[in-house]
Protein backbone atom coordinates (compact mmCIF):
# COMPACT_ATOMS: atom_id res chain seq x y z
CA UNK A 1 15.74 -17.88 25.74
CA UNK A 2 19.06 -16.48 23.88
CA UNK A 3 20.18 -13.25 25.26
CA UNK A 4 20.65 -10.16 22.45
CA UNK A 5 23.95 -8.49 22.77
CA UNK A 6 23.31 -4.71 23.43
CA UNK A 7 24.60 -3.57 20.90
CA UNK A 8 22.21 -3.90 18.60
CA UNK A 9 19.76 -1.21 18.40
CA UNK A 10 17.42 0.34 16.20
CA UNK A 11 19.37 3.50 14.84
CA UNK A 12 20.57 5.03 11.48
CA UNK A 13 24.25 3.42 10.62
CA UNK A 14 24.50 1.36 13.48
CA UNK A 15 27.36 -1.53 12.09
CA UNK A 16 24.95 -4.94 12.10
CA UNK A 17 25.79 -7.64 15.22
CA UNK A 18 26.54 -11.06 15.27
CA UNK A 19 22.88 -12.56 15.40
CA UNK A 20 23.23 -16.04 18.31
CA UNK A 21 21.87 -19.06 18.07
CA UNK A 22 18.21 -19.75 18.25
CA UNK A 23 17.08 -21.67 20.62
CA UNK A 24 13.61 -23.81 20.66
CA UNK A 25 11.81 -21.03 22.65
CA UNK A 26 12.57 -18.36 19.77
CA UNK A 27 11.81 -20.83 17.07
CA UNK A 28 8.30 -20.94 19.10
CA UNK A 29 7.77 -17.30 19.29
CA UNK A 30 9.13 -17.21 15.92
CA UNK A 31 5.64 -19.55 15.08
CA UNK A 32 3.97 -16.70 17.97
CA UNK A 33 5.34 -14.28 14.96
CA UNK A 34 3.53 -15.88 12.60
CA UNK A 35 0.30 -16.36 14.27
CA UNK A 36 0.07 -12.98 14.67
CA UNK A 37 1.47 -11.86 11.65
CA UNK A 38 -1.46 -14.07 9.59
CA UNK A 39 -3.71 -13.17 11.37
CA UNK A 40 -3.83 -9.40 11.01
CA UNK A 41 -2.96 -10.14 7.65
CA UNK A 42 -5.87 -12.03 6.67
CA UNK A 43 -8.06 -9.71 8.52
CA UNK A 44 -6.41 -6.56 6.64
CA UNK A 45 -6.74 -8.99 3.49
CA UNK A 46 -10.52 -9.75 3.96
CA UNK A 47 -11.22 -5.56 4.37
CA UNK A 48 -8.54 -4.47 1.12
CA UNK A 49 -10.18 -7.42 -1.09
CA UNK A 50 -13.71 -5.99 0.33
CA UNK A 51 -11.84 -2.26 -1.16
CA UNK A 52 -10.70 -3.25 -4.07
CA UNK A 53 -13.66 -4.66 -5.50
CA UNK A 54 -16.03 -2.03 -4.35
CA UNK A 55 -13.05 0.56 -5.83
CA UNK A 56 -13.07 -1.87 -9.15
CA UNK A 57 -16.45 -1.08 -9.06
CA UNK A 58 -16.43 2.47 -8.92
CA UNK A 59 -14.02 3.12 -11.27
CA UNK A 60 -16.41 0.74 -13.80
CA UNK A 61 -19.25 3.03 -13.35
CA UNK A 62 -17.40 6.12 -13.47
CA UNK A 63 -15.42 5.13 -16.58
CA UNK A 64 -18.55 4.05 -18.50
CA UNK A 65 -20.49 7.17 -17.86
CA UNK A 66 -17.76 9.91 -18.14
CA UNK A 67 -14.82 8.51 -20.85
CA UNK A 68 -11.52 9.32 -20.90
CA UNK A 69 -11.57 12.85 -20.81
CA UNK A 70 -13.30 13.63 -17.90
CA UNK A 71 -12.52 10.44 -15.71
CA UNK A 72 -9.30 12.00 -16.14
CA UNK A 73 -10.60 15.28 -15.22
CA UNK A 74 -11.64 13.29 -12.13
CA UNK A 75 -8.52 11.63 -11.17
CA UNK A 76 -6.27 15.21 -11.57
CA UNK A 77 -8.81 16.29 -8.99
CA UNK A 78 -8.58 13.53 -5.86
CA UNK A 79 -4.44 13.32 -7.04
CA UNK A 80 -4.60 16.94 -5.87
CA UNK A 81 -6.22 16.32 -2.92
CA UNK A 82 -4.11 13.14 -1.79
CA UNK A 83 -0.59 14.64 -2.11
CA UNK A 84 -2.28 17.55 -0.46
CA UNK A 85 -3.41 14.92 2.36
CA UNK A 86 -0.59 13.01 2.46
CA UNK A 87 1.58 16.81 2.73
CA UNK A 88 -0.52 17.39 6.46
CA UNK A 89 -0.25 14.34 7.13
CA UNK A 90 3.17 14.47 7.96
CA UNK A 91 3.83 10.92 8.79
CA UNK A 92 1.83 10.26 11.77
CA UNK A 93 0.66 7.52 11.39
CA UNK A 94 3.56 5.67 10.52
CA UNK A 95 4.74 7.51 13.52
CA UNK A 96 1.65 7.03 16.12
CA UNK A 97 1.54 3.22 14.77
CA UNK A 98 5.44 2.83 16.62
CA UNK A 99 5.32 4.67 19.33
CA UNK A 100 1.57 3.73 20.77
CA UNK A 101 2.71 -0.14 20.04
CA UNK A 102 6.21 0.75 21.93
CA UNK A 103 4.35 2.66 24.77
CA UNK A 104 1.53 0.14 25.06
CA UNK A 105 3.72 -2.79 25.79
CA UNK A 106 5.39 -0.25 28.34
CA UNK A 107 1.92 0.42 29.50
CA UNK A 108 2.56 4.25 29.35
CA UNK A 109 -0.45 5.38 29.20
CA UNK A 110 0.36 9.61 30.05
CA UNK A 111 2.63 8.41 26.91
CA UNK A 112 -0.08 7.06 24.25
CA UNK A 113 -2.62 10.12 25.42
CA UNK A 114 -0.15 12.70 24.55
CA UNK A 115 1.31 10.97 21.42
CA UNK A 116 -2.53 10.93 20.42
CA UNK A 117 -2.36 14.37 20.72
CA UNK A 118 0.36 15.90 19.14
CA UNK A 119 -0.56 13.44 15.75
CA UNK A 120 -4.23 14.64 15.89
CA UNK A 121 -3.82 17.96 16.67
CA UNK A 122 -0.52 19.25 14.45
CA UNK A 123 -2.11 16.77 11.48
CA UNK A 124 -5.91 18.91 11.53
CA UNK A 125 -4.10 21.64 11.38
CA UNK A 126 -1.81 21.60 8.64
CA UNK A 127 -4.50 20.15 6.66
CA UNK A 128 -6.42 23.53 6.64
CA UNK A 129 -3.46 25.20 5.70
CA UNK A 130 -2.86 22.94 2.73
CA UNK A 131 -6.80 22.83 1.98
CA UNK A 132 -6.86 26.54 1.96
CA UNK A 133 -3.56 26.47 -0.22
CA UNK A 134 -5.17 23.83 -2.90
CA UNK A 135 -8.38 26.41 -2.92
CA UNK A 136 -6.74 29.82 -3.74
CA UNK A 137 -4.46 27.95 -6.19
CA UNK A 138 -7.03 25.95 -7.66
CA UNK A 139 -7.49 28.65 -11.19
CA UNK A 140 -3.67 29.88 -11.46
CA UNK A 141 -2.71 25.54 -11.56
CA UNK A 142 -5.70 24.72 -13.83
CA UNK A 143 -4.68 27.25 -16.66
CA UNK A 144 -1.38 27.49 -16.06
CA UNK A 145 -0.11 23.72 -16.14
CA UNK A 146 -2.65 22.10 -17.46
CA UNK A 147 -4.59 24.34 -19.51
CA UNK A 148 -7.58 23.33 -18.65
CA UNK A 149 -10.14 25.99 -16.79
CA UNK A 150 -12.69 22.75 -16.11
CA UNK A 151 -9.94 21.70 -13.72
CA UNK A 152 -10.60 24.65 -11.14
CA UNK A 153 -14.30 24.11 -9.25
CA UNK A 154 -13.23 20.72 -9.05
CA UNK A 155 -9.96 21.94 -7.62
CA UNK A 156 -11.88 23.70 -4.85
CA UNK A 157 -14.47 20.95 -4.44
CA UNK A 158 -11.58 18.21 -3.87
CA UNK A 159 -9.68 21.39 -1.11
CA UNK A 160 -12.90 20.52 1.05
CA UNK A 161 -12.06 16.57 0.92
CA UNK A 162 -8.03 17.25 2.28
CA UNK A 163 -9.58 17.06 6.26
CA UNK A 164 -10.87 14.17 6.49
CA UNK A 165 -8.41 12.40 4.14
CA UNK A 166 -6.03 13.32 6.62
CA UNK A 167 -7.97 12.87 10.02
CA UNK A 168 -8.58 9.37 8.72
CA UNK A 169 -5.14 8.21 8.07
CA UNK A 170 -4.14 9.58 11.30
CA UNK A 171 -6.29 7.88 13.29
CA UNK A 172 -5.93 4.44 11.22
CA UNK A 173 -2.49 4.77 12.55
CA UNK A 174 -3.57 4.42 16.26
CA UNK A 175 -5.54 2.15 16.10
CA UNK A 176 -3.06 0.13 14.60
CA UNK A 177 -0.05 0.87 17.11
CA UNK A 178 -2.89 -1.26 19.59
CA UNK A 179 -1.85 -3.80 17.26
CA UNK A 180 -5.60 -4.38 16.09
CA UNK A 181 -5.84 -4.01 12.51
CA UNK A 182 -9.86 -4.97 12.25
CA UNK A 183 -10.24 -1.28 13.19
CA UNK A 184 -9.06 0.80 10.46
CA UNK A 185 -10.36 -2.16 7.79
CA UNK A 186 -13.50 -1.60 8.59
CA UNK A 187 -13.55 2.08 8.24
CA UNK A 188 -11.21 2.14 5.78
CA UNK A 189 -11.65 -0.80 4.10
CA UNK A 190 -15.40 -1.31 4.10
CA UNK A 191 -17.31 1.57 5.68
CA UNK A 192 -15.72 4.36 3.33
CA UNK A 193 -15.36 2.59 -0.40
CA UNK A 194 -19.25 0.23 0.39
CA UNK A 195 -20.51 4.25 1.32
CA UNK A 196 -18.89 5.70 -1.47
CA UNK A 197 -20.45 2.72 -4.18
CA UNK A 198 -23.74 3.19 -2.82
CA UNK A 199 -23.80 7.37 -2.61
CA UNK A 200 -22.44 6.65 -6.47
CA UNK A 201 -25.06 4.35 -7.81
CA UNK A 202 -27.84 6.38 -6.18
CA UNK A 203 -25.72 9.88 -7.49
CA UNK A 204 -26.03 8.16 -10.58
CA UNK A 205 -29.56 7.29 -11.79
CA UNK A 206 -30.17 11.68 -11.74
CA UNK A 207 -27.59 12.37 -13.71
CA UNK A 208 -23.62 11.66 -12.19
CA UNK A 209 -21.85 14.87 -12.36
CA UNK A 210 -17.67 15.50 -11.33
CA UNK A 211 -18.73 17.44 -8.25
CA UNK A 212 -20.55 15.16 -6.55
CA UNK A 213 -18.16 12.29 -7.35
CA UNK A 214 -15.54 14.46 -5.41
CA UNK A 215 -17.55 15.37 -2.64
CA UNK A 216 -18.51 11.55 -2.08
CA UNK A 217 -15.38 10.70 -2.02
CA UNK A 218 -14.87 13.57 0.80
CA UNK A 219 -18.22 12.24 3.15
CA UNK A 220 -16.89 8.61 3.23
CA UNK A 221 -13.32 9.69 4.30
CA UNK A 222 -16.29 11.40 7.09
CA UNK A 223 -17.66 8.05 8.30
CA UNK A 224 -14.23 5.99 8.47
CA UNK A 225 -13.12 9.04 10.55
CA UNK A 226 -16.20 8.41 12.73
CA UNK A 227 -15.70 4.92 13.17
CA UNK A 228 -12.01 5.41 13.93
CA UNK A 229 -12.68 7.67 16.45
CA UNK A 230 -15.24 5.23 17.97
CA UNK A 231 -13.02 2.34 17.77
CA UNK A 232 -9.41 3.95 19.26
CA UNK A 233 -12.06 5.33 22.05
CA UNK A 234 -12.16 1.16 23.00
CA UNK A 235 -8.93 0.87 22.91
CA UNK A 236 -8.13 3.92 25.14
CA UNK A 237 -10.41 6.39 26.58
CA UNK A 238 -11.07 9.63 24.73
CA UNK A 239 -12.28 11.78 27.54
CA UNK A 240 -9.89 12.45 29.52
CA UNK A 241 -8.06 16.32 30.61
CA UNK A 242 -5.88 17.11 28.13
CA UNK A 243 -3.10 18.05 31.31
CA UNK A 244 -3.14 14.13 31.21
CA UNK A 245 -1.29 13.01 28.27
CA UNK A 246 2.61 13.42 28.43
CA UNK A 247 3.09 15.20 24.85
CA UNK A 248 6.90 15.00 24.42
CA UNK A 249 6.13 17.13 20.46
CA UNK A 250 9.63 17.27 19.53
CA UNK A 251 10.56 13.78 19.99
CA UNK A 252 7.50 12.57 17.92
CA UNK A 253 7.64 15.31 15.43
CA UNK A 254 11.34 14.59 15.10
CA UNK A 255 10.93 11.78 13.89
CA UNK A 256 8.03 12.02 11.57
CA UNK A 257 9.66 14.85 10.33
CA UNK A 258 11.90 12.53 8.07
CA UNK A 259 8.93 9.89 7.46
CA UNK A 260 7.39 12.66 6.10
CA UNK A 261 9.73 14.39 3.94
CA UNK A 262 9.71 10.15 2.74
CA UNK A 263 6.72 9.73 2.61
CA UNK A 264 5.89 13.15 0.87
CA UNK A 265 8.26 12.45 -1.88
CA UNK A 266 6.72 8.66 -2.31
CA UNK A 267 3.12 10.46 -1.97
CA UNK A 268 4.12 12.90 -4.93
CA UNK A 269 6.20 10.04 -7.04
CA UNK A 270 3.60 7.95 -7.35
CA UNK A 271 1.06 11.00 -8.58
CA UNK A 272 3.32 13.11 -10.11
CA UNK A 273 2.73 10.59 -13.52
CA UNK A 274 -0.71 11.65 -13.18
CA UNK A 275 -0.12 15.37 -12.74
CA UNK A 276 3.00 14.74 -15.97
CA UNK A 277 0.66 12.82 -17.47
CA UNK A 278 -1.77 15.77 -18.04
CA UNK A 279 0.18 18.67 -18.25
CA UNK A 280 2.88 16.42 -20.68
CA UNK A 281 0.25 13.95 -22.63
CA UNK A 282 -3.12 14.62 -22.39
CA UNK A 283 -6.36 14.46 -19.69
CA UNK A 284 -7.98 11.71 -21.36
CA UNK A 285 -4.19 9.82 -20.78
CA UNK A 286 -4.84 10.29 -17.03
CA UNK A 287 -8.32 8.55 -17.11
CA UNK A 288 -6.65 5.33 -19.12
CA UNK A 289 -3.44 5.19 -17.41
CA UNK A 290 -5.92 5.26 -13.83
CA UNK A 291 -7.40 3.08 -14.21
CA UNK A 292 -4.55 0.27 -15.50
CA UNK A 293 -2.96 1.35 -12.49
CA UNK A 294 -6.41 0.59 -10.11
CA UNK A 295 -6.85 -3.03 -12.43
CA UNK A 296 -3.12 -3.60 -11.08
CA UNK A 297 -3.45 -2.94 -7.32
CA UNK A 298 -5.70 -5.91 -7.41
CA UNK A 299 -2.75 -7.70 -7.02
CA UNK A 300 -1.23 -6.19 -3.99
CA UNK A 301 -3.64 -7.29 -1.53
CA UNK A 302 -1.79 -9.71 0.90
CA UNK A 303 1.30 -7.67 0.15
CA UNK A 304 0.40 -4.85 1.46
CA UNK A 305 -2.07 -6.39 4.16
CA UNK A 306 0.79 -8.49 5.73
CA UNK A 307 3.30 -5.67 5.37
CA UNK A 308 0.95 -3.57 7.96
CA UNK A 309 0.18 -6.18 10.34
CA UNK A 310 3.73 -6.60 10.41
CA UNK A 311 4.53 -2.69 11.42
CA UNK A 312 3.89 -2.71 15.46
CA UNK A 313 5.11 -6.47 16.01
CA UNK A 314 8.58 -5.22 13.85
CA UNK A 315 8.35 -2.39 15.99
CA UNK A 316 8.38 -4.18 19.62
CA UNK A 317 11.20 -6.67 18.14
CA UNK A 318 13.79 -3.80 17.35
CA UNK A 319 13.18 -2.90 20.80
CA UNK A 320 14.04 -5.70 22.48
CA UNK A 321 17.19 -6.61 19.70
CA UNK A 322 15.45 -9.84 18.11
CA UNK A 323 16.35 -9.46 14.81
CA UNK A 324 16.66 -13.35 14.19
CA UNK A 325 13.17 -13.06 14.53
CA UNK A 326 12.48 -10.39 11.94
CA UNK A 327 14.31 -12.18 9.56
CA UNK A 328 12.60 -15.25 9.97
CA UNK A 329 9.25 -13.44 9.29
CA UNK A 330 10.54 -11.72 6.93
CA UNK A 331 11.48 -14.55 4.42
CA UNK A 332 7.96 -15.84 5.21
CA UNK A 333 5.52 -13.08 4.28
CA UNK A 334 8.48 -12.67 1.33
CA UNK A 335 7.56 -15.94 0.33
CA UNK A 336 3.62 -16.08 1.00
CA UNK A 337 2.96 -13.59 -0.94
CA UNK A 338 4.46 -13.89 -4.16
CA UNK A 339 3.29 -17.57 -4.28
CA UNK A 340 -0.16 -16.24 -3.19
CA UNK A 341 0.02 -13.25 -6.31
CA UNK A 342 1.90 -14.54 -8.93
CA UNK A 343 -0.72 -16.23 -10.90
CA UNK A 344 -2.58 -12.40 -10.14
CA UNK A 345 0.45 -11.01 -12.27
CA UNK A 346 0.67 -13.73 -15.17
CA UNK A 347 -2.63 -13.13 -15.73
CA UNK A 348 -2.03 -9.41 -15.71
CA UNK A 349 0.69 -9.48 -18.10
CA UNK A 350 0.12 -11.90 -20.26
CA UNK A 351 -3.98 -10.47 -20.75
CA UNK A 352 -3.72 -7.17 -21.02
CA UNK A 353 -6.12 -6.48 -23.50
CA UNK A 354 -9.36 -7.92 -22.40
CA UNK A 355 -8.53 -7.00 -18.64
CA UNK A 356 -8.17 -3.19 -20.51
CA UNK A 357 -11.17 -4.08 -23.00
CA UNK A 358 -13.69 -4.40 -19.90
CA UNK A 359 -13.99 -0.43 -19.83
CA UNK A 360 -15.09 0.60 -22.81
CA UNK A 361 -12.94 1.41 -26.24
CA UNK A 362 -11.71 4.28 -24.79
CA UNK A 363 -9.21 2.77 -22.51
CA UNK A 364 -7.73 0.29 -24.55
CA UNK A 365 -4.74 1.70 -25.23
CA UNK A 366 -3.95 0.79 -21.76
CA UNK A 367 -2.90 -2.29 -22.42
CA UNK A 368 1.20 -1.68 -22.80
CA UNK A 369 1.16 0.16 -19.68
CA UNK A 370 -0.66 -2.72 -17.94
CA UNK A 371 1.24 -5.10 -18.48
CA UNK A 372 4.16 -3.15 -17.23
CA UNK A 373 2.06 -2.36 -14.77
CA UNK A 374 2.29 -6.00 -13.59
CA UNK A 375 5.76 -6.28 -14.09
CA UNK A 376 6.44 -3.14 -11.61
CA UNK A 377 4.13 -4.59 -9.18
CA UNK A 378 6.33 -8.27 -8.89
CA UNK A 379 9.47 -6.58 -8.68
CA UNK A 380 7.21 -4.98 -5.86
CA UNK A 381 6.41 -8.07 -4.39
CA UNK A 382 9.06 -9.86 -4.43
CA UNK A 383 12.10 -7.90 -2.64
CA UNK A 384 9.14 -8.26 0.39
CA UNK A 385 8.52 -5.35 2.29
CA UNK A 386 12.31 -4.45 3.25
CA UNK A 387 10.80 -0.36 3.46
CA UNK A 388 8.56 -1.83 6.62
CA UNK A 389 11.73 -3.32 7.97
CA UNK A 390 13.37 -0.05 7.96
CA UNK A 391 10.82 1.80 8.58
CA UNK A 392 10.26 -0.09 11.79
CA UNK A 393 13.99 -0.54 12.61
CA UNK A 394 13.92 3.13 13.01
CA UNK A 395 16.24 4.35 10.48
CA UNK A 396 14.12 6.98 9.09
CA UNK A 397 17.03 9.01 8.09
CA UNK A 398 18.29 6.56 5.94
CA UNK A 399 14.88 5.66 4.62
CA UNK A 400 14.55 9.45 3.08
CA UNK A 401 18.22 9.17 1.57
CA UNK A 402 16.71 6.62 0.44
CA UNK A 403 13.35 8.26 -1.03
CA UNK A 404 15.79 10.84 -2.64
CA UNK A 405 17.45 9.05 -4.43
CA UNK A 406 14.57 6.69 -6.03
CA UNK A 407 12.27 9.72 -6.61
CA UNK A 408 14.95 11.83 -8.55
CA UNK A 409 15.06 9.05 -10.82
CA UNK A 410 11.88 8.19 -10.90
CA UNK A 411 10.72 12.24 -12.03
CA UNK A 412 13.54 11.96 -14.21
CA UNK A 413 12.46 8.83 -16.33
CA UNK A 414 8.39 10.23 -16.38
CA UNK A 415 10.34 13.31 -18.00
CA UNK A 416 12.30 11.39 -20.30
CA UNK A 417 9.39 8.89 -21.62
CA UNK A 418 6.10 10.09 -20.97
CA UNK A 419 7.29 12.57 -24.15
CA UNK A 420 8.02 10.39 -26.12
CA UNK A 421 5.83 6.89 -25.05
CA UNK A 422 2.58 8.56 -23.54
CA UNK A 423 1.09 6.19 -20.29
CA UNK A 424 3.35 3.31 -22.22
CA UNK A 425 6.81 5.72 -21.00
CA UNK A 426 5.01 6.21 -18.16
CA UNK A 427 4.64 2.37 -17.01
CA UNK A 428 8.19 1.78 -17.85
CA UNK A 429 9.01 4.87 -15.41
CA UNK A 430 7.46 3.29 -12.90
CA UNK A 431 9.48 -0.06 -13.74
CA UNK A 432 12.52 1.84 -13.09
CA UNK A 433 11.17 3.65 -9.53
CA UNK A 434 9.96 0.36 -8.25
CA UNK A 435 13.18 -1.41 -9.21
CA UNK A 436 15.75 1.39 -7.63
CA UNK A 437 12.90 1.85 -4.73
CA UNK A 438 13.32 -1.44 -3.46
CA UNK A 439 16.94 -2.54 -4.28
CA UNK A 440 18.24 0.05 -1.63
CA UNK A 441 16.50 -1.26 1.53
CA UNK A 442 16.96 -4.30 0.11
CA UNK A 443 20.65 -4.40 0.05
CA UNK A 444 20.23 -1.78 3.51
CA UNK A 445 18.74 -4.52 5.57
CA UNK A 446 21.82 -6.44 4.68
CA UNK A 447 24.57 -4.16 5.27
CA UNK A 448 22.77 -3.62 8.85
CA UNK A 449 21.78 -7.16 10.44
CA UNK A 450 22.98 -9.74 7.52
CA UNK A 451 18.82 -9.98 6.69
CA UNK A 452 17.59 -10.84 2.49
CA UNK A 453 13.92 -11.84 1.79
CA UNK A 454 14.82 -14.84 0.39
CA UNK A 455 15.85 -18.64 0.98
CA UNK A 456 15.38 -21.98 -1.15
CA UNK A 457 12.44 -22.12 -1.23
CA UNK A 458 11.73 -19.26 -2.54
CA UNK A 459 12.21 -20.49 -5.96
CA UNK A 460 9.35 -23.02 -5.85
CA UNK A 461 6.80 -19.88 -6.79
CA UNK A 462 9.86 -18.12 -9.60
CA UNK A 463 9.95 -22.00 -10.92
CA UNK A 464 5.93 -22.40 -11.05
CA UNK A 465 5.78 -19.21 -12.50
CA UNK A 466 7.80 -19.83 -15.54
CA UNK A 467 6.37 -22.74 -16.16
CA UNK A 468 2.35 -21.78 -16.35
CA UNK A 469 3.86 -18.42 -18.26
CA UNK A 470 5.53 -20.53 -20.20
CA UNK A 471 2.33 -22.59 -21.08
CA UNK A 472 0.25 -19.24 -22.08
CA UNK A 473 2.63 -18.94 -24.76
CA UNK A 474 3.00 -22.13 -26.34
CA UNK A 475 -0.98 -21.99 -26.09
CA UNK A 476 -1.35 -18.63 -27.84
CA UNK A 477 1.31 -19.01 -30.63
CA UNK A 478 1.15 -23.13 -31.16
CA UNK A 479 -2.08 -23.81 -30.69
CA UNK A 480 -5.82 -22.86 -32.85
CA UNK A 481 -7.21 -20.36 -30.30
CA UNK A 482 -9.81 -17.51 -31.08
CA UNK A 483 -9.75 -13.93 -29.43
CA UNK A 484 -13.21 -13.64 -27.82
CA UNK A 485 -14.36 -13.99 -24.47
CA UNK A 486 -14.62 -17.60 -24.16
CA UNK A 487 -11.26 -18.33 -25.68
CA UNK A 488 -8.90 -15.69 -23.46
CA UNK A 489 -10.89 -16.68 -20.16
CA UNK A 490 -10.11 -20.50 -20.65
CA UNK A 491 -6.76 -19.96 -20.90
CA UNK A 492 -6.53 -17.34 -17.74
CA UNK A 493 -8.29 -20.72 -16.40
CA UNK A 494 -4.93 -22.84 -17.94
CA UNK A 495 -2.40 -20.31 -16.85
CA UNK A 496 -3.77 -20.51 -12.58
CA UNK A 497 -4.19 -24.12 -13.04
CA UNK A 498 -0.40 -25.12 -13.74
CA UNK A 499 1.00 -22.82 -11.76
CA UNK A 500 -1.45 -24.99 -8.83
CA UNK A 501 -0.19 -27.62 -9.99
CA UNK A 502 4.27 -27.06 -10.33
CA UNK A 503 3.27 -25.78 -6.63
CA UNK A 504 1.34 -28.41 -5.66
CA UNK A 505 4.61 -31.71 -6.97
CA UNK A 506 7.10 -29.50 -6.13
CA UNK A 507 5.16 -29.38 -2.41
CA UNK A 508 5.92 -28.78 0.95
CA UNK A 509 9.31 -28.92 3.02
CA UNK A 510 8.98 -30.91 5.99
CA UNK A 511 10.20 -27.22 7.80
CA UNK A 512 7.35 -26.08 6.03
CA UNK A 513 4.49 -28.64 6.90
CA UNK A 514 5.27 -28.75 10.45
CA UNK A 515 5.16 -24.42 10.71
CA UNK A 516 2.16 -24.60 8.41
CA UNK A 517 0.00 -27.79 10.51
CA UNK A 518 1.09 -25.41 13.53
CA UNK A 519 0.17 -21.81 12.35
CA UNK A 520 -3.13 -23.22 11.51
CA UNK A 521 -4.12 -24.97 14.54
CA UNK A 522 -3.04 -21.64 16.69
CA UNK A 523 -4.65 -19.64 14.60
CA UNK A 524 -7.56 -21.40 15.17
CA UNK A 525 -7.53 -21.54 18.81
CA UNK A 526 -6.60 -18.25 18.73
CA UNK A 527 -9.46 -17.21 16.30
CA UNK A 528 -12.05 -19.79 18.60
CA UNK A 529 -10.91 -17.78 21.74
CA UNK A 530 -12.57 -14.22 20.63
């Protein structure tokens, strides 16, 4: 195996070092990396698919029963709880994933136990503090910012949910540190949304109220936390003395601080749109935009699944200095993610009005915003997991600087565009933010390690997508087609069919076919072994 120069370490601001020539043994290792990522990504994708479908059904039920305005109130309350929960996590979910992955390889049980203690204890303490603050400030926030007194009691109910949101996220990060994706999938992507769906359906029979709906959200997250505690205990016995832990709190919290600030700004940026729409546009606009955003998330399942799975592996490879293997995984995952997501993104961009119409007439105004959000998702998947690679190679200060820039740009764009164009302006601001937020780490990874997420094979899904979009536009504007449901469904089928046909015609290279065959054989072996 080729040896890497010791100077190539994961420290922020350090220059890139020339990579060695890759040997046959390293190619085999790269295949093993992808086998692990595909296996874990498949598990995560299944869970996220269940989660997304469940949430879609929940969204549909709530939207139809509550209407745009009450659904907007519900989303404002949940958004407030989400922001408080994100503050409380303190970046410790990602920190636990990284430190546990490294310490587990080193068989440092005292270090693992110490990291778990610091992560759970510190985040729970913060969650109680911020939940109390949200409860106390509920009425001033509702009246002064949103001019809506009905929101205040909902914010107070939402404050009770904050500790459960925090605990489940930190526990999920801990289980992922043991390179087990199934645990967090079962808890957060299956148990949580399915239990929430069942409870909402039961509550809907007797008449669904907003406070009960928010409480159900918290109960489902509590259930997920209990499941995660059970799984974490299976990987690492939690019934041991606290004194056995090596609690390097200063190092752990020092690593988490820039991550926390970055994640906090990211969470604030992603939720500030909800808050700004509510204060600058209308509560009704909050409900409509939330539906558009929820639909768009369906096309992001595979991307987030693969990125989440790759985190502990990237941390390990970076600790070994194996950056060439990181690059190979980076390029392959990007190409696969774009290939799988392209048909869904095309359907969202080309058919936004029929999709929004499913939720009722009061949500039809969100069609332009949904089309723009499809472009947002394309930018996200087409730039690969650049942010994940930057995180797991230790460049947390650089991530913080990036986040300050992109959040500032995003907030400025929201303030400029929402008053003028409402929810469509919010979608345009999201597009500007996504371009900036992905361009920064993309360029930085090139200067640090000379790696990019692109190879010539990346042009295949792009070409297929352009051809499919062109055929769809030709059918719509040149042929006599109607706007009824059957016609729209047929047009969607044409888009997907043309895309798959072009992908088939372009085919796979010999190297790609060899890789896929090896991955298939080894993945089958790994699955059958379990």
